Amino acid sequence: MPRSYTVISSRPATRSEIADAQRRAELIDAQLPSVRASAQNWRNGVGLGTLASGFVGLLTAPEIVQSASDRAVTNGGWILLIATVVAVISLALAMRASFGWPKAITLTGKDSLREWTSNELSRTVFYLRASMILTLAALTLYTMAFSVLIFHVESPIDFTCR
């Protein structure tokens, strides 16, 4: 048979415990703006840089690839297209992470704002990480496409119809 216990008295919280609880609450409230600022810095720095490098590659490719075979041009062009699509998706995810999504929310309960903030923080971190991964994928694809087009390396993916 389980025993039940009754708490008769507890000590009041000390000033340092109260100050620690207030600092924890302030940190929790500042998390979403902090992550959004990081996402904005990522978007402005690496995300736009990746997209710009792809566009530079697209603009300069016709003059550079004149000596490439038709097969290399086809494969390199397709890889450039895929890389650009991946880079645009990465940029869109970074924008979503840095700005959020325009949506009206209804705060009904006592903890509904804290719950929404926690959920939005999780989504923001997810979109930021996905943007980072896709940016690395786009850079890899750009490198692959430029090596096929400029250095005439055999494409690991063959898009030509035989």
Protein backbone atom coordinates (compact mmCIF):
# COMPACT_ATOMS: atom_id res chain seq x y z
CA MET A 1 0.00 0.00 0.00
CA PRO A 2 1.53 3.37 -1.02
CA ARG A 3 2.26 5.90 1.65
CA SER A 4 1.13 9.46 1.31
CA TYR A 5 3.13 12.41 2.54
CA THR A 6 1.99 15.86 3.51
CA VAL A 7 4.25 18.89 3.19
CA ILE A 8 3.79 21.01 6.25
CA SER A 9 6.12 23.85 5.39
CA SER A 10 8.73 24.79 2.82
CA ARG A 11 11.34 27.48 2.86
CA PRO A 12 10.76 30.64 0.82
CA ALA A 13 12.85 31.16 -2.30
CA THR A 14 16.08 33.07 -1.83
CA ARG A 15 16.88 36.24 -3.75
CA SER A 16 19.40 34.41 -5.92
CA GLU A 17 16.83 31.70 -6.78
CA ILE A 18 14.29 34.36 -7.74
CA ALA A 19 16.91 36.19 -9.84
CA ASP A 20 17.87 32.90 -11.55
CA ALA A 21 14.22 32.20 -12.38
CA GLN A 22 13.84 35.70 -13.84
CA ARG A 23 17.01 35.28 -15.96
CA ARG A 24 15.72 31.93 -17.26
CA ALA A 25 12.41 33.53 -18.23
CA GLU A 26 14.23 36.40 -20.00
CA LEU A 27 16.42 33.92 -21.91
CA ILE A 28 13.40 31.93 -23.01
CA ASP A 29 11.65 35.12 -24.18
CA ALA A 30 14.76 36.21 -26.15
CA GLN A 31 15.33 32.88 -27.94
CA LEU A 32 13.06 33.41 -30.96
CA PRO A 33 14.39 36.89 -31.84
CA SER A 34 17.94 35.60 -31.41
CA VAL A 35 17.41 32.63 -33.74
CA ARG A 36 15.64 34.86 -36.27
CA ALA A 37 18.60 37.26 -36.23
CA SER A 38 20.96 34.33 -36.86
CA ALA A 39 18.78 33.18 -39.74
CA GLN A 40 18.80 36.67 -41.22
CA ASN A 41 22.59 36.81 -41.02
CA TRP A 42 22.81 33.39 -42.68
CA ARG A 43 20.45 34.47 -45.44
CA ASN A 44 22.30 37.72 -46.09
CA GLY A 45 25.73 36.11 -46.02
CA VAL A 46 25.98 32.57 -47.27
CA GLY A 47 22.53 32.08 -48.79
CA LEU A 48 22.69 35.04 -51.12
CA GLY A 49 26.34 34.28 -51.89
CA THR A 50 25.44 30.80 -53.07
CA LEU A 51 22.68 32.09 -55.29
CA ALA A 52 24.95 34.81 -56.69
CA SER A 53 27.70 32.30 -57.48
CA GLY A 54 25.21 30.22 -59.41
CA PHE A 55 24.00 33.18 -61.43
CA VAL A 56 27.58 34.23 -62.19
CA GLY A 57 28.20 30.70 -63.40
CA LEU A 58 25.12 30.79 -65.59
CA LEU A 59 26.09 34.11 -67.11
CA THR A 60 29.72 33.23 -67.84
CA ALA A 61 29.16 29.62 -68.88
CA PRO A 62 28.42 30.21 -72.61
CA GLU A 63 31.83 31.78 -73.26
CA ILE A 64 33.76 29.24 -71.23
CA VAL A 65 32.14 26.05 -72.51
CA GLN A 66 32.66 26.57 -76.24
CA SER A 67 35.16 23.73 -76.36
CA ALA A 68 32.95 21.36 -74.35
CA SER A 69 31.14 18.51 -76.04
CA ASP A 70 27.38 18.54 -76.47
CA ARG A 71 27.08 15.83 -73.82
CA ALA A 72 29.12 17.88 -71.30
CA VAL A 73 27.06 20.99 -72.04
CA THR A 74 23.81 19.06 -71.56
CA ASN A 75 24.95 17.41 -68.33
CA GLY A 76 26.52 20.58 -66.95
CA GLY A 77 23.46 22.64 -67.85
CA TRP A 78 21.13 20.26 -66.08
CA ILE A 79 23.35 20.16 -63.00
CA LEU A 80 23.47 24.00 -63.01
CA LEU A 81 19.68 24.12 -63.24
CA ILE A 82 19.27 21.68 -60.34
CA ALA A 83 21.83 23.60 -58.28
CA THR A 84 19.99 26.87 -58.91
CA VAL A 85 16.65 25.36 -57.89
CA VAL A 86 18.23 23.97 -54.69
CA ALA A 87 19.81 27.37 -53.97
CA VAL A 88 16.48 29.18 -54.45
CA ILE A 89 14.73 26.72 -52.12
CA SER A 90 17.53 27.24 -49.59
CA LEU A 91 17.09 31.00 -49.80
CA ALA A 92 13.31 30.67 -49.38
CA LEU A 93 13.79 28.52 -46.27
CA ALA A 94 16.27 31.05 -44.86
CA MET A 95 13.74 33.82 -45.47
CA ARG A 96 11.05 31.80 -43.71
CA ALA A 97 13.39 31.27 -40.78
CA SER A 98 14.36 34.91 -40.54
CA PHE A 99 10.93 36.51 -40.99
CA GLY A 100 8.42 33.84 -40.00
CA TRP A 101 5.14 33.34 -41.79
CA PRO A 102 2.38 35.96 -41.80
CA LYS A 103 -0.39 34.33 -39.84
CA ALA A 104 -2.93 35.52 -37.31
CA ILE A 105 -2.81 33.54 -34.09
CA THR A 106 -5.36 33.42 -31.32
CA LEU A 107 -4.01 33.36 -27.80
CA THR A 108 -6.67 31.75 -25.68
CA GLY A 109 -4.99 30.29 -22.64
CA LYS A 110 -2.58 31.37 -20.00
CA ASP A 111 0.39 29.63 -21.59
CA SER A 112 -0.67 29.91 -25.25
CA LEU A 113 1.90 32.62 -26.07
CA ARG A 114 4.73 30.59 -24.55
CA GLU A 115 3.52 27.48 -26.40
CA TRP A 116 3.31 29.34 -29.73
CA THR A 117 6.78 30.82 -29.17
CA SER A 118 8.20 27.38 -28.42
CA ASN A 119 6.60 25.86 -31.53
CA GLU A 120 7.72 28.77 -33.73
CA LEU A 121 11.24 28.49 -32.34
CA SER A 122 11.34 24.80 -33.28
CA ARG A 123 10.08 25.54 -36.79
CA THR A 124 12.55 28.39 -37.22
CA VAL A 125 15.49 26.21 -36.19
CA PHE A 126 14.29 23.47 -38.56
CA TYR A 127 14.05 25.87 -41.52
CA LEU A 128 17.44 27.39 -40.74
CA ARG A 129 19.11 23.97 -40.58
CA ALA A 130 17.39 22.85 -43.78
CA SER A 131 18.59 26.03 -45.48
CA MET A 132 22.15 25.34 -44.37
CA ILE A 133 22.07 21.77 -45.65
CA LEU A 134 20.55 22.80 -48.99
CA THR A 135 23.13 25.57 -49.38
CA LEU A 136 25.91 23.00 -49.01
CA ALA A 137 24.13 20.78 -51.54
CA ALA A 138 23.82 23.71 -53.97
CA LEU A 139 27.51 24.57 -53.61
CA THR A 140 28.41 20.94 -54.25
CA LEU A 141 26.21 20.86 -57.35
CA TYR A 142 27.66 24.15 -58.62
CA THR A 143 31.15 22.75 -58.18
CA MET A 144 30.13 19.60 -60.02
CA ALA A 145 28.58 21.57 -62.88
CA PHE A 146 31.58 23.87 -63.28
CA SER A 147 33.96 20.92 -63.28
CA VAL A 148 31.91 19.29 -66.04
CA LEU A 149 31.62 22.48 -68.09
CA ILE A 150 35.01 24.10 -67.57
CA PHE A 151 37.41 21.24 -66.84
CA HIS A 152 35.59 18.61 -68.93
CA VAL A 153 35.36 16.14 -66.04
CA GLU A 154 33.00 13.24 -66.71
CA SER A 155 29.61 13.96 -65.15
CA PRO A 156 28.59 11.56 -62.38
CA ILE A 157 24.99 12.00 -63.58
CA ASP A 158 24.18 11.48 -67.24
CA PHE A 159 21.20 13.48 -68.50
CA THR A 160 21.67 12.76 -72.20
CA CYS A 161 19.28 10.51 -74.04
CA ARG A 162 21.04 7.75 -75.89
